[in-house]
C-alpha atoms as a PDB file:
ATOM      1  CA  MET A   1    -154.609 -44.917 -25.768  1.00  0.00           C
ATOM      2  CA  ARG A   2    -152.962 -46.964 -28.496  1.00  0.00           C
ATOM      3  CA  ASP A   3    -151.964 -45.455 -31.884  1.00  0.00           C
ATOM      4  CA  GLY A   4    -153.831 -42.261 -30.999  1.00  0.00           C
ATOM      5  CA  HIS A   5    -157.148 -44.003 -30.341  1.00  0.00           C
ATOM      6  CA  PRO A   6    -158.834 -45.001 -27.068  1.00  0.00           C
ATOM      7  CA  ARG A   7    -157.316 -48.216 -25.727  1.00  0.00           C
ATOM      8  CA  GLU A   8    -159.353 -51.161 -26.909  1.00  0.00           C
ATOM      9  CA  VAL A   9    -160.401 -54.026 -24.656  1.00  0.00           C
ATOM     10  CA  LEU A  10    -157.972 -56.808 -25.504  1.00  0.00           C
ATOM     11  CA  GLN A  11    -159.185 -60.381 -25.649  1.00  0.00           C
ATOM     12  CA  ALA A  12    -157.708 -62.776 -23.126  1.00  0.00           C
ATOM     13  CA  VAL A  13    -155.695 -65.427 -24.929  1.00  0.00           C
ATOM     14  CA  ILE A  14    -154.130 -67.502 -22.110  1.00  0.00           C
ATOM     15  CA  HIS A  15    -156.064 -68.567 -19.024  1.00  0.00           C
ATOM     16  CA  LEU A  16    -154.656 -70.131 -15.848  1.00  0.00           C
ATOM     17  CA  ARG A  17    -157.243 -71.950 -13.742  1.00  0.00           C
ATOM     18  CA  GLN A  18    -156.318 -73.022 -10.193  1.00  0.00           C
ATOM     19  CA  ILE A  19    -152.712 -73.756 -11.204  1.00  0.00           C
ATOM     20  CA  SER A  20    -150.549 -75.451  -8.568  1.00  0.00           C
ATOM     21  CA  LYS A  21    -147.100 -76.956  -9.022  1.00  0.00           C
ATOM     22  CA  ASN A  22    -145.259 -79.125  -6.520  1.00  0.00           C
ATOM     23  CA  TYR A  23    -141.703 -80.436  -6.635  1.00  0.00           C
ATOM     24  CA  GLY A  24    -141.807 -83.249  -4.113  1.00  0.00           C
ATOM     25  CA  GLU A  25    -143.092 -81.716  -0.893  1.00  0.00           C
ATOM     26  CA  LYS A  26    -142.299 -78.155  -1.976  1.00  0.00           C
ATOM     27  CA  GLN A  27    -145.193 -76.200  -3.449  1.00  0.00           C
ATOM     28  CA  VAL A  28    -143.906 -73.542  -5.854  1.00  0.00           C
ATOM     29  CA  LEU A  29    -147.222 -72.348  -7.344  1.00  0.00           C
ATOM     30  CA  ARG A  30    -150.495 -72.408  -5.416  1.00  0.00           C
ATOM     31  CA  ASN A  31    -154.005 -72.068  -6.887  1.00  0.00           C
ATOM     32  CA  ILE A  32    -153.131 -69.363  -9.430  1.00  0.00           C
ATOM     33  CA  THR A  33    -156.066 -68.169 -11.530  1.00  0.00           C
ATOM     34  CA  HIS A  34    -155.328 -65.435 -14.027  1.00  0.00           C
ATOM     35  CA  SER A  35    -155.985 -64.465 -17.666  1.00  0.00           C
ATOM     36  CA  PHE A  36    -153.528 -62.670 -19.947  1.00  0.00           C
ATOM     37  CA  ALA A  37    -154.600 -60.516 -22.882  1.00  0.00           C
ATOM     38  CA  ALA A  38    -153.343 -60.951 -26.425  1.00  0.00           C
ATOM     39  CA  GLY A  39    -150.624 -58.405 -27.127  1.00  0.00           C
ATOM     40  CA  SER A  40    -149.937 -57.723 -23.446  1.00  0.00           C
ATOM     41  CA  ALA A  41    -146.420 -57.559 -21.992  1.00  0.00           C
ATOM     42  CA  THR A  42    -145.947 -59.036 -18.519  1.00  0.00           C
ATOM     43  CA  ALA A  43    -142.895 -59.264 -16.266  1.00  0.00           C
ATOM     44  CA  PHE A  44    -142.417 -61.719 -13.406  1.00  0.00           C
ATOM     45  CA  VAL A  45    -139.988 -60.363 -10.821  1.00  0.00           C
ATOM     46  CA  GLY A  46    -138.766 -61.522  -7.430  1.00  0.00           C
ATOM     47  CA  HIS A  47    -136.001 -63.464  -5.743  1.00  0.00           C
ATOM     48  CA  ASN A  48    -134.423 -66.598  -7.194  1.00  0.00           C
ATOM     49  CA  GLY A  49    -136.467 -69.701  -6.483  1.00  0.00           C
ATOM     50  CA  CYS A  50    -139.797 -67.917  -5.991  1.00  0.00           C
ATOM     51  CA  GLY A  51    -141.347 -69.685  -9.008  1.00  0.00           C
ATOM     52  CA  LYS A  52    -140.855 -67.279 -11.931  1.00  0.00           C
ATOM     53  CA  SER A  53    -139.175 -69.811 -14.231  1.00  0.00           C
ATOM     54  CA  THR A  54    -141.654 -72.517 -13.283  1.00  0.00           C
ATOM     55  CA  LEU A  55    -144.568 -70.256 -14.188  1.00  0.00           C
ATOM     56  CA  LEU A  56    -142.972 -69.421 -17.548  1.00  0.00           C
ATOM     57  CA  LYS A  57    -142.546 -73.128 -18.304  1.00  0.00           C
ATOM     58  CA  VAL A  58    -146.158 -73.818 -17.340  1.00  0.00           C
ATOM     59  CA  LEU A  59    -147.294 -71.024 -19.676  1.00  0.00           C
ATOM     60  CA  ALA A  60    -145.077 -72.454 -22.439  1.00  0.00           C
ATOM     61  CA  GLY A  61    -146.459 -75.975 -21.949  1.00  0.00           C
ATOM     62  CA  LEU A  62    -143.015 -77.325 -21.029  1.00  0.00           C
ATOM     63  CA  VAL A  63    -143.997 -78.220 -17.454  1.00  0.00           C
ATOM     64  CA  ALA A  64    -147.323 -79.776 -16.522  1.00  0.00           C
ATOM     65  CA  PRO A  65    -149.014 -78.327 -13.427  1.00  0.00           C
ATOM     66  CA  THR A  66    -149.633 -80.646 -10.509  1.00  0.00           C
ATOM     67  CA  ARG A  67    -153.204 -79.391 -10.471  1.00  0.00           C
ATOM     68  CA  GLY A  68    -155.206 -76.973 -12.564  1.00  0.00           C
ATOM     69  CA  GLU A  69    -155.485 -76.129 -16.251  1.00  0.00           C
ATOM     70  CA  VAL A  70    -153.797 -73.870 -18.806  1.00  0.00           C
ATOM     71  CA  ARG A  71    -156.211 -72.956 -21.586  1.00  0.00           C
ATOM     72  CA  HIS A  72    -155.595 -71.094 -24.845  1.00  0.00           C
ATOM     73  CA  ASP A  73    -158.395 -69.369 -26.744  1.00  0.00           C
ATOM     74  CA  ARG A  74    -156.831 -70.451 -30.034  1.00  0.00           C
ATOM     75  CA  ARG A  75    -153.862 -72.356 -31.363  1.00  0.00           C
ATOM     76  CA  LEU A  76    -150.738 -70.352 -30.542  1.00  0.00           C
ATOM     77  CA  VAL A  77    -147.191 -70.289 -31.872  1.00  0.00           C
ATOM     78  CA  ILE A  78    -145.139 -70.101 -28.659  1.00  0.00           C
ATOM     79  CA  HIS A  79    -141.396 -69.444 -28.501  1.00  0.00           C
ATOM     80  CA  TYR A  80    -139.487 -69.891 -25.239  1.00  0.00           C
ATOM     81  CA  VAL A  81    -135.936 -68.705 -24.487  1.00  0.00           C
ATOM     82  CA  PRO A  82    -134.515 -70.311 -21.308  1.00  0.00           C
ATOM     83  CA  GLU A  83    -131.986 -68.664 -19.013  1.00  0.00           C
ATOM     84  CA  ARG A  84    -129.569 -71.557 -19.480  1.00  0.00           C
ATOM     85  CA  PHE A  85    -129.659 -72.541 -23.099  1.00  0.00           C
ATOM     86  CA  PRO A  86    -128.815 -76.245 -23.659  1.00  0.00           C
ATOM     87  CA  ALA A  87    -125.643 -76.701 -25.715  1.00  0.00           C
ATOM     88  CA  THR A  88    -125.452 -79.266 -28.510  1.00  0.00           C
ATOM     89  CA  HIS A  89    -122.664 -80.503 -30.778  1.00  0.00           C
ATOM     90  CA  LEU A  90    -124.288 -78.698 -33.717  1.00  0.00           C
ATOM     91  CA  THR A  91    -122.823 -75.389 -34.824  1.00  0.00           C
ATOM     92  CA  ALA A  92    -124.919 -72.335 -34.057  1.00  0.00           C
ATOM     93  CA  LYS A  93    -125.807 -71.977 -37.740  1.00  0.00           C
ATOM     94  CA  GLN A  94    -126.807 -75.653 -38.044  1.00  0.00           C
ATOM     95  CA  TYR A  95    -129.026 -75.347 -34.981  1.00  0.00           C
ATOM     96  CA  LEU A  96    -130.691 -72.153 -36.204  1.00  0.00           C
ATOM     97  CA  THR A  97    -131.214 -73.664 -39.646  1.00  0.00           C
ATOM     98  CA  HIS A  98    -132.858 -76.804 -38.233  1.00  0.00           C
ATOM     99  CA  MET A  99    -135.131 -74.791 -35.938  1.00  0.00           C
ATOM    100  CA  GLY A 100    -136.090 -72.382 -38.717  1.00  0.00           C
ATOM    101  CA  MET A 101    -137.023 -75.303 -40.975  1.00  0.00           C
ATOM    102  CA  ILE A 102    -139.215 -76.725 -38.198  1.00  0.00           C
ATOM    103  CA  ASP A 103    -140.967 -73.329 -38.094  1.00  0.00           C
ATOM    104  CA  GLY A 104    -141.580 -73.629 -41.839  1.00  0.00           C
ATOM    105  CA  LEU A 105    -139.277 -70.908 -43.158  1.00  0.00           C
ATOM    106  CA  PRO A 106    -138.182 -71.291 -46.812  1.00  0.00           C
ATOM    107  CA  GLN A 107    -134.426 -71.905 -47.037  1.00  0.00           C
ATOM    108  CA  ASP A 108    -133.590 -68.657 -48.854  1.00  0.00           C
ATOM    109  CA  ARG A 109    -135.527 -66.536 -46.358  1.00  0.00           C
ATOM    110  CA  LEU A 110    -134.142 -68.557 -43.445  1.00  0.00           C
ATOM    111  CA  ALA A 111    -130.538 -67.988 -44.530  1.00  0.00           C
ATOM    112  CA  GLU A 112    -131.191 -64.251 -44.889  1.00  0.00           C
ATOM    113  CA  GLU A 113    -132.872 -63.992 -41.459  1.00  0.00           C
ATOM    114  CA  ILE A 114    -129.977 -65.832 -39.784  1.00  0.00           C
ATOM    115  CA  ARG A 115    -127.451 -63.582 -41.523  1.00  0.00           C
ATOM    116  CA  LYS A 116    -129.327 -60.396 -40.602  1.00  0.00           C
ATOM    117  CA  LEU A 117    -129.949 -61.288 -36.948  1.00  0.00           C
ATOM    118  CA  ALA A 118    -126.420 -62.627 -36.444  1.00  0.00           C
ATOM    119  CA  GLY A 119    -125.107 -59.293 -37.718  1.00  0.00           C
ATOM    120  CA  GLU A 120    -127.347 -57.277 -35.420  1.00  0.00           C
ATOM    121  CA  PHE A 121    -126.251 -59.329 -32.398  1.00  0.00           C
ATOM    122  CA  HIS A 122    -122.573 -59.355 -33.512  1.00  0.00           C
ATOM    123  CA  MET A 123    -122.683 -63.133 -33.786  1.00  0.00           C
ATOM    124  CA  GLU A 124    -121.226 -63.669 -37.282  1.00  0.00           C
ATOM    125  CA  GLU A 125    -117.942 -65.133 -36.040  1.00  0.00           C
ATOM    126  CA  HIS A 126    -119.758 -67.649 -33.818  1.00  0.00           C
ATOM    127  CA  LEU A 127    -122.141 -69.138 -36.387  1.00  0.00           C
ATOM    128  CA  ARG A 128    -119.702 -71.902 -37.367  1.00  0.00           C
ATOM    129  CA  SER A 129    -118.696 -72.686 -33.775  1.00  0.00           C
ATOM    130  CA  LYS A 130    -120.078 -75.756 -32.016  1.00  0.00           C
ATOM    131  CA  MET A 131    -122.537 -74.742 -29.363  1.00  0.00           C
ATOM    132  CA  THR A 132    -120.670 -76.756 -26.729  1.00  0.00           C
ATOM    133  CA  THR A 133    -117.810 -74.247 -27.068  1.00  0.00           C
ATOM    134  CA  LEU A 134    -119.919 -71.097 -26.649  1.00  0.00           C
ATOM    135  CA  SER A 135    -120.250 -69.037 -23.481  1.00  0.00           C
ATOM    136  CA  LYS A 136    -123.543 -68.704 -21.591  1.00  0.00           C
ATOM    137  CA  GLY A 137    -124.134 -65.209 -22.959  1.00  0.00           C
ATOM    138  CA  THR A 138    -123.449 -66.296 -26.543  1.00  0.00           C
ATOM    139  CA  LEU A 139    -125.759 -69.305 -26.183  1.00  0.00           C
ATOM    140  CA  GLN A 140    -128.470 -66.939 -24.978  1.00  0.00           C
ATOM    141  CA  LYS A 141    -127.984 -64.869 -28.128  1.00  0.00           C
ATOM    142  CA  VAL A 142    -128.468 -68.039 -30.188  1.00  0.00           C
ATOM    143  CA  GLY A 143    -131.707 -68.703 -28.304  1.00  0.00           C
ATOM    144  CA  VAL A 144    -132.966 -65.160 -28.856  1.00  0.00           C
ATOM    145  CA  ILE A 145    -132.107 -65.304 -32.576  1.00  0.00           C
ATOM    146  CA  GLN A 146    -133.994 -68.591 -32.868  1.00  0.00           C
ATOM    147  CA  ALA A 147    -137.044 -67.048 -31.177  1.00  0.00           C
ATOM    148  CA  LEU A 148    -136.964 -64.094 -33.591  1.00  0.00           C
ATOM    149  CA  LEU A 149    -136.645 -66.079 -36.841  1.00  0.00           C
ATOM    150  CA  VAL A 150    -140.440 -66.341 -37.046  1.00  0.00           C
ATOM    151  CA  THR A 151    -142.823 -63.909 -35.354  1.00  0.00           C
ATOM    152  CA  PRO A 152    -144.597 -65.954 -32.644  1.00  0.00           C
ATOM    153  CA  ASP A 153    -147.967 -65.326 -31.040  1.00  0.00           C
ATOM    154  CA  VAL A 154    -146.356 -65.625 -27.602  1.00  0.00           C
ATOM    155  CA  LEU A 155    -142.727 -65.047 -26.599  1.00  0.00           C
ATOM    156  CA  LEU A 156    -141.470 -66.201 -23.185  1.00  0.00           C
ATOM    157  CA  LEU A 157    -138.063 -65.002 -21.969  1.00  0.00           C
ATOM    158  CA  ASP A 158    -136.314 -66.283 -18.853  1.00  0.00           C
ATOM    159  CA  GLU A 159    -133.698 -63.761 -17.634  1.00  0.00           C
ATOM    160  CA  PRO A 160    -132.872 -62.782 -21.227  1.00  0.00           C
ATOM    161  CA  LEU A 161    -130.153 -60.226 -20.391  1.00  0.00           C
ATOM    162  CA  SER A 162    -128.194 -62.341 -17.918  1.00  0.00           C
ATOM    163  CA  GLY A 163    -124.579 -62.222 -19.075  1.00  0.00           C
ATOM    164  CA  GLN A 164    -125.251 -59.886 -22.022  1.00  0.00           C
ATOM    165  CA  ASP A 165    -123.133 -56.864 -22.944  1.00  0.00           C
ATOM    166  CA  ALA A 166    -124.603 -53.376 -23.309  1.00  0.00           C
ATOM    167  CA  GLU A 167    -124.870 -53.529 -27.111  1.00  0.00           C
ATOM    168  CA  ALA A 168    -126.678 -56.880 -27.011  1.00  0.00           C
ATOM    169  CA  GLN A 169    -129.047 -55.442 -24.400  1.00  0.00           C
ATOM    170  CA  ARG A 170    -129.806 -52.481 -26.665  1.00  0.00           C
ATOM    171  CA  VAL A 171    -130.486 -54.674 -29.714  1.00  0.00           C
ATOM    172  CA  PHE A 172    -132.587 -57.047 -27.615  1.00  0.00           C
ATOM    173  CA  THR A 173    -134.761 -54.211 -26.278  1.00  0.00           C
ATOM    174  CA  GLU A 174    -135.301 -52.858 -29.795  1.00  0.00           C
ATOM    175  CA  LYS A 175    -136.265 -56.271 -31.172  1.00  0.00           C
ATOM    176  CA  VAL A 176    -138.674 -57.056 -28.338  1.00  0.00           C
ATOM    177  CA  ASN A 177    -140.396 -53.700 -28.733  1.00  0.00           C
ATOM    178  CA  GLU A 178    -140.700 -54.300 -32.483  1.00  0.00           C
ATOM    179  CA  LEU A 179    -142.456 -57.581 -31.686  1.00  0.00           C
ATOM    180  CA  ARG A 180    -144.737 -55.840 -29.204  1.00  0.00           C
ATOM    181  CA  GLY A 181    -145.626 -53.359 -31.912  1.00  0.00           C
ATOM    182  CA  ARG A 182    -146.722 -56.321 -34.066  1.00  0.00           C
ATOM    183  CA  GLY A 183    -149.025 -57.647 -31.332  1.00  0.00           C
ATOM    184  CA  VAL A 184    -146.860 -60.422 -29.862  1.00  0.00           C
ATOM    185  CA  THR A 185    -147.829 -61.413 -26.302  1.00  0.00           C
ATOM    186  CA  LEU A 186    -144.746 -61.201 -24.091  1.00  0.00           C
ATOM    187  CA  PHE A 187    -143.868 -62.866 -20.782  1.00  0.00           C
ATOM    188  CA  MET A 188    -140.515 -62.256 -19.139  1.00  0.00           C
ATOM    189  CA  SER A 189    -138.759 -63.272 -15.949  1.00  0.00           C
ATOM    190  CA  CYS A 190    -136.359 -60.484 -15.110  1.00  0.00           C
ATOM    191  CA  HIS A 191    -134.227 -58.875 -12.407  1.00  0.00           C
ATOM    192  CA  GLU A 192    -133.370 -55.648 -14.290  1.00  0.00           C
ATOM    193  CA  PRO A 193    -135.897 -52.874 -13.458  1.00  0.00           C
ATOM    194  CA  GLU A 194    -134.771 -50.853 -16.503  1.00  0.00           C
ATOM    195  CA  LEU A 195    -135.719 -53.718 -18.822  1.00  0.00           C
ATOM    196  CA  VAL A 196    -139.059 -54.217 -17.064  1.00  0.00           C
ATOM    197  CA  ALA A 197    -139.858 -50.523 -17.602  1.00  0.00           C
ATOM    198  CA  ALA A 198    -138.650 -50.562 -21.214  1.00  0.00           C
ATOM    199  CA  VAL A 199    -140.575 -53.542 -22.597  1.00  0.00           C
ATOM    200  CA  THR A 200    -143.430 -54.522 -20.266  1.00  0.00           C
ATOM    201  CA  GLU A 201    -146.722 -53.012 -19.103  1.00  0.00           C
ATOM    202  CA  LYS A 202    -147.475 -54.999 -15.936  1.00  0.00           C
ATOM    203  CA  SER A 203    -145.292 -56.772 -13.424  1.00  0.00           C
ATOM    204  CA  TYR A 204    -146.068 -59.471 -10.875  1.00  0.00           C
ATOM    205  CA  THR A 205    -144.166 -61.255  -8.166  1.00  0.00           C
ATOM    206  CA  ILE A 206    -144.744 -64.698  -6.650  1.00  0.00           C
ATOM    207  CA  GLU A 207    -145.033 -64.958  -2.872  1.00  0.00           C
ATOM    208  CA  GLY A 208    -146.087 -68.120  -1.103  1.00  0.00           C
ATOM    209  CA  GLY A 209    -146.948 -69.599  -4.500  1.00  0.00           C
ATOM    210  CA  GLN A 210    -149.412 -66.767  -5.219  1.00  0.00           C
ATOM    211  CA  LEU A 211    -149.216 -64.395  -8.200  1.00  0.00           C
ATOM    212  CA  LEU A 212    -149.359 -60.855  -6.826  1.00  0.00           C
ATOM    213  CA  PRO A 213    -149.244 -57.524  -8.695  1.00  0.00           C
ATOM    214  CA  CYS A 214    -146.211 -55.400  -7.897  1.00  0.00           C
ATOM    215  CA  ARG A 215    -146.813 -52.113  -6.188  1.00  0.00           C
ATOM    216  CA  GLU A 216    -147.265 -49.143  -8.487  1.00  0.00           C
ATOM    217  CA  PRO A 217    -144.274 -46.788  -8.398  1.00  0.00           C
ATOM    218  CA  ALA A 218    -144.850 -43.646  -6.358  1.00  0.00           C
ATOM    219  CA  ARG A 219    -143.773 -41.505  -9.317  1.00  0.00           C
ATOM    220  CA  GLU A 220    -146.378 -41.528 -12.089  1.00  0.00           C
ATOM    221  CA  THR A 221    -144.855 -42.087 -15.522  1.00  0.00           C
ATOM    222  CA  TYR A 222    -146.235 -42.279 -19.041  1.00  0.00           C
ATOM    223  CA  ARG A 223    -145.309 -44.282 -22.126  1.00  0.00           C
ATOM    224  CA  ILE A 224    -145.480 -42.042 -25.184  1.00  0.00           C
ATOM    225  CA  LEU A 225    -145.648 -43.551 -28.678  1.00  0.00           C
ATOM    226  CA  LEU A 226    -144.467 -41.364 -31.554  1.00  0.00           C
ATOM    227  CA  CYS A 227    -143.778 -41.564 -35.265  1.00  0.00           C
ATOM    228  CA  TRP A 228    -141.883 -39.202 -37.566  1.00  0.00           C
ATOM    229  CA  GLU A 229    -143.724 -37.070 -40.138  1.00  0.00           C
ATOM    230  CA  GLY A 230    -141.222 -34.306 -40.875  1.00  0.00           C
ATOM    231  CA  GLU A 231    -138.801 -33.987 -43.766  1.00  0.00           C
ATOM    232  CA  SER A 232    -136.654 -37.088 -44.159  1.00  0.00           C
ATOM    233  CA  GLY A 233    -133.408 -35.093 -44.128  1.00  0.00           C
ATOM    234  CA  ALA A 234    -134.151 -33.769 -40.638  1.00  0.00           C
ATOM    235  CA  ARG A 235    -135.036 -37.121 -39.124  1.00  0.00           C
ATOM    236  CA  GLN A 236    -131.579 -37.830 -37.686  1.00  0.00           C
ATOM    237  CA  GLN A 237    -131.535 -34.457 -35.947  1.00  0.00           C
ATOM    238  CA  ALA A 238    -135.042 -35.022 -34.625  1.00  0.00           C
ATOM    239  CA  GLN A 239    -134.106 -38.497 -33.355  1.00  0.00           C
ATOM    240  CA  ALA A 240    -131.203 -36.944 -31.465  1.00  0.00           C
ATOM    241  CA  LEU A 241    -133.619 -34.451 -29.913  1.00  0.00           C
ATOM    242  CA  LEU A 242    -135.982 -37.261 -28.960  1.00  0.00           C
ATOM    243  CA  ALA A 243    -133.192 -39.270 -27.311  1.00  0.00           C
ATOM    244  CA  GLU A 244    -131.997 -36.144 -25.491  1.00  0.00           C
ATOM    245  CA  THR A 245    -135.506 -35.250 -24.370  1.00  0.00           C
ATOM    246  CA  ALA A 246    -136.124 -38.771 -23.080  1.00  0.00           C
ATOM    247  CA  GLY A 247    -132.847 -38.879 -21.197  1.00  0.00           C
ATOM    248  CA  GLY A 248    -131.569 -41.588 -23.553  1.00  0.00           C
ATOM    249  CA  LYS A 249    -134.599 -43.833 -22.921  1.00  0.00           C
ATOM    250  CA  ILE A 250    -135.819 -44.184 -26.499  1.00  0.00           C
ATOM    251  CA  GLN A 251    -136.744 -47.531 -28.074  1.00  0.00           C
ATOM    252  CA  PRO A 252    -138.162 -48.450 -31.493  1.00  0.00           C
ATOM    253  CA  TYR A 253    -141.764 -49.596 -31.195  1.00  0.00           C
ATOM    254  CA  GLY A 254    -143.416 -51.067 -34.289  1.00  0.00           C
ATOM    255  CA  ASN A 255    -142.910 -48.492 -37.042  1.00  0.00           C
ATOM    256  CA  GLY A 256    -142.367 -45.687 -34.545  1.00  0.00           C
ATOM    257  CA  TYR A 257    -140.678 -45.013 -31.212  1.00  0.00           C
ATOM    258  CA  GLN A 258    -141.556 -44.977 -27.558  1.00  0.00           C
ATOM    259  CA  ILE A 259    -140.212 -42.893 -24.688  1.00  0.00           C
ATOM    260  CA  ILE A 260    -141.054 -43.037 -21.007  1.00  0.00           C
ATOM    261  CA  LEU A 261    -141.354 -39.737 -19.144  1.00  0.00           C
ATOM    262  CA  PRO A 262    -142.415 -38.628 -15.658  1.00  0.00           C
ATOM    263  CA  ARG A 263    -145.779 -36.887 -15.627  1.00  0.00           C
ATOM    264  CA  GLU A 264    -144.327 -33.473 -14.849  1.00  0.00           C
ATOM    265  CA  GLU A 265    -142.147 -33.577 -17.981  1.00  0.00           C
ATOM    266  CA  CYS A 266    -144.817 -34.660 -20.489  1.00  0.00           C
ATOM    267  CA  ASP A 267    -146.249 -31.263 -21.496  1.00  0.00           C
ATOM    268  CA  ARG A 268    -142.890 -29.573 -22.010  1.00  0.00           C
ATOM    269  CA  CYS A 269    -141.263 -32.470 -23.867  1.00  0.00           C
ATOM    270  CA  LEU A 270    -144.289 -33.239 -26.049  1.00  0.00           C
ATOM    271  CA  GLY A 271    -144.444 -29.620 -27.180  1.00  0.00           C
ATOM    272  CA  MET A 272    -140.791 -29.722 -28.234  1.00  0.00           C
ATOM    273  CA  LEU A 273    -141.184 -33.029 -30.071  1.00  0.00           C
ATOM    274  CA  LEU A 274    -144.376 -32.135 -31.937  1.00  0.00           C
ATOM    275  CA  ALA A 275    -142.777 -28.876 -33.066  1.00  0.00           C
ATOM    276  CA  GLN A 276    -139.918 -30.885 -34.586  1.00  0.00           C
ATOM    277  CA  GLY A 277    -142.191 -33.032 -36.766  1.00  0.00           C
ATOM    278  CA  TRP A 278    -143.093 -35.950 -34.513  1.00  0.00           C
ATOM    279  CA  ARG A 279    -146.700 -37.161 -34.382  1.00  0.00           C
ATOM    280  CA  LEU A 280    -148.287 -38.535 -31.220  1.00  0.00           C
ATOM    281  CA  ARG A 281    -149.617 -42.086 -31.677  1.00  0.00           C
ATOM    282  CA  GLY A 282    -150.517 -42.879 -28.080  1.00  0.00           C
ATOM    283  CA  LEU A 283    -150.069 -41.874 -24.463  1.00  0.00           C
ATOM    284  CA  HIS A 284    -150.828 -44.023 -21.452  1.00  0.00           C
ATOM    285  CA  ARG A 285    -149.763 -44.365 -17.849  1.00  0.00           C
ATOM    286  CA  VAL A 286    -147.350 -47.172 -16.938  1.00  0.00           C
END
């Protein structure tokens, strides 16, 4: 279910048709045919060099396939955050300002968005630094902030938490789940299983150039979407209960929250949460 209603059939928005990609004599992708639904969240996992980054770049339109076709059902705003963000001699603020203007943001709103996101990612002191002087992790933060300035239709993330501290990881997870709650289609190359579980619905690996679904985990788990409907003064206490109940695995999701629980814990924990003033918006297996 989604938002308390039966899960709707989502329209496919990106179609891969017989996609192959060769680098010289090496074939990285081989005859991949697949469609991805609007609003879906997909992770590509696997060893380095298996083709995850190449597939992301093909989806983003940054790399042309050797054979095959990438088709969109409509014109899409696509934002791509690479693992290794290219440094320039611009300051971080100058870069973000230029990119925001390209996306059509008014200057007053753009300045406010940069200020707000820089604060959330603890980047204020780096805004006036030239990007050539920034570390890999800080450059990645710049790339993520740029991608979040305007809500895209599709967001592609290549190893987004590589080199990030725990606080940046927490903020990143919250922001991505907020975007998912607004219907953004997400693709992510990732090595961290916790991040895959927190922000994606399906995961695939690439073997022999083929896109293959990952095995379902033996332990059945559920993603539970909740919103708060109790008295405002008790919300902080209820949030603490929710975090405690979920073993600390709570993330904002749209205008509510999501937790992930094993099947055997759902009945007990849901009863506790609903009694505290939370309302169930959706429950589905992951």
